[in-house]
Amino acid sequence: AIVWDEYLTGPFGLIAQYSLLKEHEVEKMFTLKGSRLPAADVKNIIFFVRPRLEL
C-alpha cells in the first residue's frame, strides 16, 4: 500500500502512472489526511510525504 501526501500525487504521477504501480503489486493507495487511515490487509506500507519543519 502507498500512503500519499496529497500534494505529491500530481508530481509523482509524472514519473509513474497508476498502471505501473499496479504492475509492481501496489494493492492499495490512500491520501494522507488529518483522519485515521482505513484498515488495510497489506504486508507493507510506504509513505510519500513532504518534510516539514515545525518551529
PDB file of N, CA and C in Angstrom:
ATOM      1  N   ALA A   1       0.850  -1.178   0.000  1.00  0.00           N
ATOM      2  CA  ALA A   1       0.000   0.000   0.000  1.00  0.00           C
ATOM      3  C   ALA A   1       0.894   1.240   0.000  1.00  0.00           C
ATOM      4  N   ILE A   2       0.400   2.277  -0.595  1.00  0.00           N
ATOM      5  CA  ILE A   2       1.098   3.564  -0.585  1.00  0.00           C
ATOM      6  C   ILE A   2       0.178   4.590   0.059  1.00  0.00           C
ATOM      7  N   VAL A   3       0.758   5.377   0.966  1.00  0.00           N
ATOM      8  CA  VAL A   3       0.048   6.493   1.582  1.00  0.00           C
ATOM      9  C   VAL A   3       0.710   7.764   1.062  1.00  0.00           C
ATOM     10  N   TRP A   4      -0.084   8.619   0.427  1.00  0.00           N
ATOM     11  CA  TRP A   4       0.415   9.813  -0.254  1.00  0.00           C
ATOM     12  C   TRP A   4       0.118  11.086   0.517  1.00  0.00           C
ATOM     13  N   ASP A   5       1.067  11.995   0.543  1.00  0.00           N
ATOM     14  CA  ASP A   5       0.795  13.392   0.847  1.00  0.00           C
ATOM     15  C   ASP A   5       0.031  13.902  -0.378  1.00  0.00           C
ATOM     16  N   GLU A   6      -1.120  14.502  -0.181  1.00  0.00           N
ATOM     17  CA  GLU A   6      -1.964  14.880  -1.322  1.00  0.00           C
ATOM     18  C   GLU A   6      -1.269  15.828  -2.300  1.00  0.00           C
ATOM     19  N   TYR A   7      -0.249  16.565  -1.846  1.00  0.00           N
ATOM     20  CA  TYR A   7       0.455  17.485  -2.731  1.00  0.00           C
ATOM     21  C   TYR A   7       1.511  16.784  -3.589  1.00  0.00           C
ATOM     22  N   LEU A   8       1.798  15.521  -3.315  1.00  0.00           N
ATOM     23  CA  LEU A   8       2.803  14.799  -4.089  1.00  0.00           C
ATOM     24  C   LEU A   8       2.212  13.876  -5.145  1.00  0.00           C
ATOM     25  N   THR A   9       0.931  13.650  -5.118  1.00  0.00           N
ATOM     26  CA  THR A   9       0.342  12.724  -6.085  1.00  0.00           C
ATOM     27  C   THR A   9       0.495  13.228  -7.520  1.00  0.00           C
ATOM     28  N   GLY A  10       0.328  14.509  -7.740  1.00  0.00           N
ATOM     29  CA  GLY A  10       0.472  15.068  -9.089  1.00  0.00           C
ATOM     30  C   GLY A  10       1.889  14.951  -9.621  1.00  0.00           C
ATOM     31  N   PRO A  11       2.893  15.468  -8.892  1.00  0.00           N
ATOM     32  CA  PRO A  11       4.268  15.349  -9.379  1.00  0.00           C
ATOM     33  C   PRO A  11       4.728  13.898  -9.539  1.00  0.00           C
ATOM     34  N   PHE A  12       4.327  13.039  -8.636  1.00  0.00           N
ATOM     35  CA  PHE A  12       4.743  11.637  -8.741  1.00  0.00           C
ATOM     36  C   PHE A  12       4.110  10.973  -9.961  1.00  0.00           C
ATOM     37  N   GLY A  13       2.909  11.412 -10.316  1.00  0.00           N
ATOM     38  CA  GLY A  13       2.236  10.877 -11.491  1.00  0.00           C
ATOM     39  C   GLY A  13       2.988  11.154 -12.783  1.00  0.00           C
ATOM     40  N   LEU A  14       3.871  12.145 -12.777  1.00  0.00           N
ATOM     41  CA  LEU A  14       4.696  12.416 -13.951  1.00  0.00           C
ATOM     42  C   LEU A  14       5.779  11.358 -14.126  1.00  0.00           C
ATOM     43  N   ILE A  15       6.130  10.675 -13.039  1.00  0.00           N
ATOM     44  CA  ILE A  15       7.181   9.657 -13.060  1.00  0.00           C
ATOM     45  C   ILE A  15       6.599   8.262 -13.249  1.00  0.00           C
ATOM     46  N   ALA A  16       5.567   7.943 -12.481  1.00  0.00           N
ATOM     47  CA  ALA A  16       4.993   6.592 -12.515  1.00  0.00           C
ATOM     48  C   ALA A  16       3.474   6.675 -12.585  1.00  0.00           C
ATOM     49  N   GLN A  17       2.906   6.120 -13.624  1.00  0.00           N
ATOM     50  CA  GLN A  17       1.455   6.074 -13.774  1.00  0.00           C
ATOM     51  C   GLN A  17       0.870   5.019 -12.835  1.00  0.00           C
ATOM     52  N   TYR A  18      -0.417   5.146 -12.563  1.00  0.00           N
ATOM     53  CA  TYR A  18      -1.119   4.198 -11.702  1.00  0.00           C
ATOM     54  C   TYR A  18      -0.974   2.767 -12.218  1.00  0.00           C
ATOM     55  N   SER A  19      -1.050   2.582 -13.521  1.00  0.00           N
ATOM     56  CA  SER A  19      -0.941   1.237 -14.100  1.00  0.00           C
ATOM     57  C   SER A  19       0.428   0.615 -13.814  1.00  0.00           C
ATOM     58  N   LEU A  20       1.488   1.418 -13.809  1.00  0.00           N
ATOM     59  CA  LEU A  20       2.823   0.905 -13.495  1.00  0.00           C
ATOM     60  C   LEU A  20       2.901   0.452 -12.043  1.00  0.00           C
ATOM     61  N   LEU A  21       2.297   1.214 -11.150  1.00  0.00           N
ATOM     62  CA  LEU A  21       2.293   0.823  -9.740  1.00  0.00           C
ATOM     63  C   LEU A  21       1.547  -0.491  -9.551  1.00  0.00           C
ATOM     64  N   LYS A  22       0.437  -0.660 -10.245  1.00  0.00           N
ATOM     65  CA  LYS A  22      -0.324  -1.912 -10.165  1.00  0.00           C
ATOM     66  C   LYS A  22       0.501  -3.090 -10.684  1.00  0.00           C
ATOM     67  N   GLU A  23       1.276  -2.877 -11.744  1.00  0.00           N
ATOM     68  CA  GLU A  23       2.147  -3.930 -12.278  1.00  0.00           C
ATOM     69  C   GLU A  23       3.169  -4.375 -11.244  1.00  0.00           C
ATOM     70  N   HIS A  24       3.549  -3.461 -10.353  1.00  0.00           N
ATOM     71  CA  HIS A  24       4.531  -3.769  -9.312  1.00  0.00           C
ATOM     72  C   HIS A  24       3.857  -4.099  -7.982  1.00  0.00           C
ATOM     73  N   GLU A  25       2.634  -4.588  -8.080  1.00  0.00           N
ATOM     74  CA  GLU A  25       1.886  -5.151  -6.958  1.00  0.00           C
ATOM     75  C   GLU A  25       1.501  -4.149  -5.868  1.00  0.00           C
ATOM     76  N   VAL A  26       1.321  -2.888  -6.238  1.00  0.00           N
ATOM     77  CA  VAL A  26       0.753  -1.928  -5.297  1.00  0.00           C
ATOM     78  C   VAL A  26      -0.741  -2.208  -5.250  1.00  0.00           C
ATOM     79  N   GLU A  27      -1.205  -2.698  -4.109  1.00  0.00           N
ATOM     80  CA  GLU A  27      -2.593  -3.137  -3.995  1.00  0.00           C
ATOM     81  C   GLU A  27      -3.554  -2.009  -3.643  1.00  0.00           C
ATOM     82  N   LYS A  28      -3.108  -1.091  -2.783  1.00  0.00           N
ATOM     83  CA  LYS A  28      -3.997  -0.023  -2.325  1.00  0.00           C
ATOM     84  C   LYS A  28      -3.220   1.277  -2.224  1.00  0.00           C
ATOM     85  N   MET A  29      -3.950   2.393  -2.380  1.00  0.00           N
ATOM     86  CA  MET A  29      -3.360   3.715  -2.228  1.00  0.00           C
ATOM     87  C   MET A  29      -4.318   4.596  -1.448  1.00  0.00           C
ATOM     88  N   PHE A  30      -3.751   5.380  -0.530  1.00  0.00           N
ATOM     89  CA  PHE A  30      -4.547   6.252   0.323  1.00  0.00           C
ATOM     90  C   PHE A  30      -3.924   7.639   0.328  1.00  0.00           C
ATOM     91  N   THR A  31      -4.752   8.656   0.512  1.00  0.00           N
ATOM     92  CA  THR A  31      -4.276  10.022   0.675  1.00  0.00           C
ATOM     93  C   THR A  31      -4.145  10.315   2.158  1.00  0.00           C
ATOM     94  N   LEU A  32      -3.013  10.889   2.543  1.00  0.00           N
ATOM     95  CA  LEU A  32      -2.767  11.230   3.936  1.00  0.00           C
ATOM     96  C   LEU A  32      -3.543  12.492   4.275  1.00  0.00           C
ATOM     97  N   LYS A  33      -4.445  12.370   5.228  1.00  0.00           N
ATOM     98  CA  LYS A  33      -5.261  13.496   5.676  1.00  0.00           C
ATOM     99  C   LYS A  33      -5.221  13.530   7.194  1.00  0.00           C
ATOM    100  N   GLY A  34      -5.959  14.420   7.798  1.00  0.00           N
ATOM    101  CA  GLY A  34      -5.973  14.545   9.248  1.00  0.00           C
ATOM    102  C   GLY A  34      -6.656  13.401   9.972  1.00  0.00           C
ATOM    103  N   SER A  35      -7.391  12.574   9.249  1.00  0.00           N
ATOM    104  CA  SER A  35      -8.104  11.477   9.896  1.00  0.00           C
ATOM    105  C   SER A  35      -7.258  10.201   9.880  1.00  0.00           C
ATOM    106  N   ARG A  36      -7.800   9.159  10.473  1.00  0.00           N
ATOM    107  CA  ARG A  36      -7.108   7.874  10.511  1.00  0.00           C
ATOM    108  C   ARG A  36      -7.158   7.200   9.149  1.00  0.00           C
ATOM    109  N   LEU A  37      -6.169   6.376   8.895  1.00  0.00           N
ATOM    110  CA  LEU A  37      -6.159   5.607   7.655  1.00  0.00           C
ATOM    111  C   LEU A  37      -7.143   4.453   7.763  1.00  0.00           C
ATOM    112  N   PRO A  38      -7.763   4.079   6.670  1.00  0.00           N
ATOM    113  CA  PRO A  38      -8.661   2.925   6.702  1.00  0.00           C
ATOM    114  C   PRO A  38      -7.867   1.640   6.932  1.00  0.00           C
ATOM    115  N   ALA A  39      -8.519   0.641   7.468  1.00  0.00           N
ATOM    116  CA  ALA A  39      -7.868  -0.649   7.688  1.00  0.00           C
ATOM    117  C   ALA A  39      -7.498  -1.258   6.338  1.00  0.00           C
ATOM    118  N   ALA A  40      -6.301  -1.811   6.264  1.00  0.00           N
ATOM    119  CA  ALA A  40      -5.846  -2.430   5.018  1.00  0.00           C
ATOM    120  C   ALA A  40      -5.062  -3.686   5.359  1.00  0.00           C
ATOM    121  N   ASP A  41      -5.438  -4.768   4.749  1.00  0.00           N
ATOM    122  CA  ASP A  41      -4.757  -6.040   4.965  1.00  0.00           C
ATOM    123  C   ASP A  41      -3.627  -6.166   3.943  1.00  0.00           C
ATOM    124  N   VAL A  42      -2.511  -5.487   4.228  1.00  0.00           N
ATOM    125  CA  VAL A  42      -1.358  -5.493   3.329  1.00  0.00           C
ATOM    126  C   VAL A  42      -0.099  -5.807   4.125  1.00  0.00           C
ATOM    127  N   LYS A  43       0.905  -6.303   3.436  1.00  0.00           N
ATOM    128  CA  LYS A  43       2.158  -6.680   4.092  1.00  0.00           C
ATOM    129  C   LYS A  43       3.051  -5.467   4.358  1.00  0.00           C
ATOM    130  N   ASN A  44       3.106  -4.537   3.421  1.00  0.00           N
ATOM    131  CA  ASN A  44       3.986  -3.370   3.528  1.00  0.00           C
ATOM    132  C   ASN A  44       3.218  -2.093   3.229  1.00  0.00           C
ATOM    133  N   ILE A  45       3.642  -1.010   3.892  1.00  0.00           N
ATOM    134  CA  ILE A  45       3.072   0.316   3.640  1.00  0.00           C
ATOM    135  C   ILE A  45       4.230   1.285   3.416  1.00  0.00           C
ATOM    136  N   ILE A  46       4.160   2.042   2.336  1.00  0.00           N
ATOM    137  CA  ILE A  46       5.169   3.053   2.025  1.00  0.00           C
ATOM    138  C   ILE A  46       4.501   4.417   2.106  1.00  0.00           C
ATOM    139  N   PHE A  47       5.140   5.358   2.799  1.00  0.00           N
ATOM    140  CA  PHE A  47       4.626   6.719   2.935  1.00  0.00           C
ATOM    141  C   PHE A  47       5.450   7.651   2.057  1.00  0.00           C
ATOM    142  N   PHE A  48       4.776   8.437   1.208  1.00  0.00           N
ATOM    143  CA  PHE A  48       5.403   9.501   0.440  1.00  0.00           C
ATOM    144  C   PHE A  48       4.876  10.815   0.997  1.00  0.00           C
ATOM    145  N   VAL A  49       5.728  11.539   1.728  1.00  0.00           N
ATOM    146  CA  VAL A  49       5.311  12.786   2.371  1.00  0.00           C
ATOM    147  C   VAL A  49       6.378  13.851   2.175  1.00  0.00           C
ATOM    148  N   ARG A  50       5.957  15.094   2.288  1.00  0.00           N
ATOM    149  CA  ARG A  50       6.891  16.218   2.242  1.00  0.00           C
ATOM    150  C   ARG A  50       7.464  16.436   3.634  1.00  0.00           C
ATOM    151  N   PRO A  51       8.717  16.850   3.734  1.00  0.00           N
ATOM    152  CA  PRO A  51       9.267  17.167   5.053  1.00  0.00           C
ATOM    153  C   PRO A  51       8.693  18.489   5.552  1.00  0.00           C
ATOM    154  N   ARG A  52       8.513  18.584   6.837  1.00  0.00           N
ATOM    155  CA  ARG A  52       8.030  19.832   7.443  1.00  0.00           C
ATOM    156  C   ARG A  52       8.887  20.143   8.657  1.00  0.00           C
ATOM    157  N   LEU A  53       9.194  21.389   8.831  1.00  0.00           N
ATOM    158  CA  LEU A  53       9.944  21.830   9.991  1.00  0.00           C
ATOM    159  C   LEU A  53       9.027  22.693  10.831  1.00  0.00           C
ATOM    160  N   GLU A  54       8.667  22.198  11.998  1.00  0.00           N
ATOM    161  CA  GLU A  54       7.794  22.943  12.911  1.00  0.00           C
ATOM    162  C   GLU A  54       8.677  23.703  13.902  1.00  0.00           C
ATOM    163  N   LEU A  55       8.536  24.996  13.944  1.00  0.00           N
ATOM    164  CA  LEU A  55       9.326  25.807  14.887  1.00  0.00           C
ATOM    165  C   LEU A  55       8.488  26.220  16.065  1.00  0.00           C
TER     166      LEU A  55
END
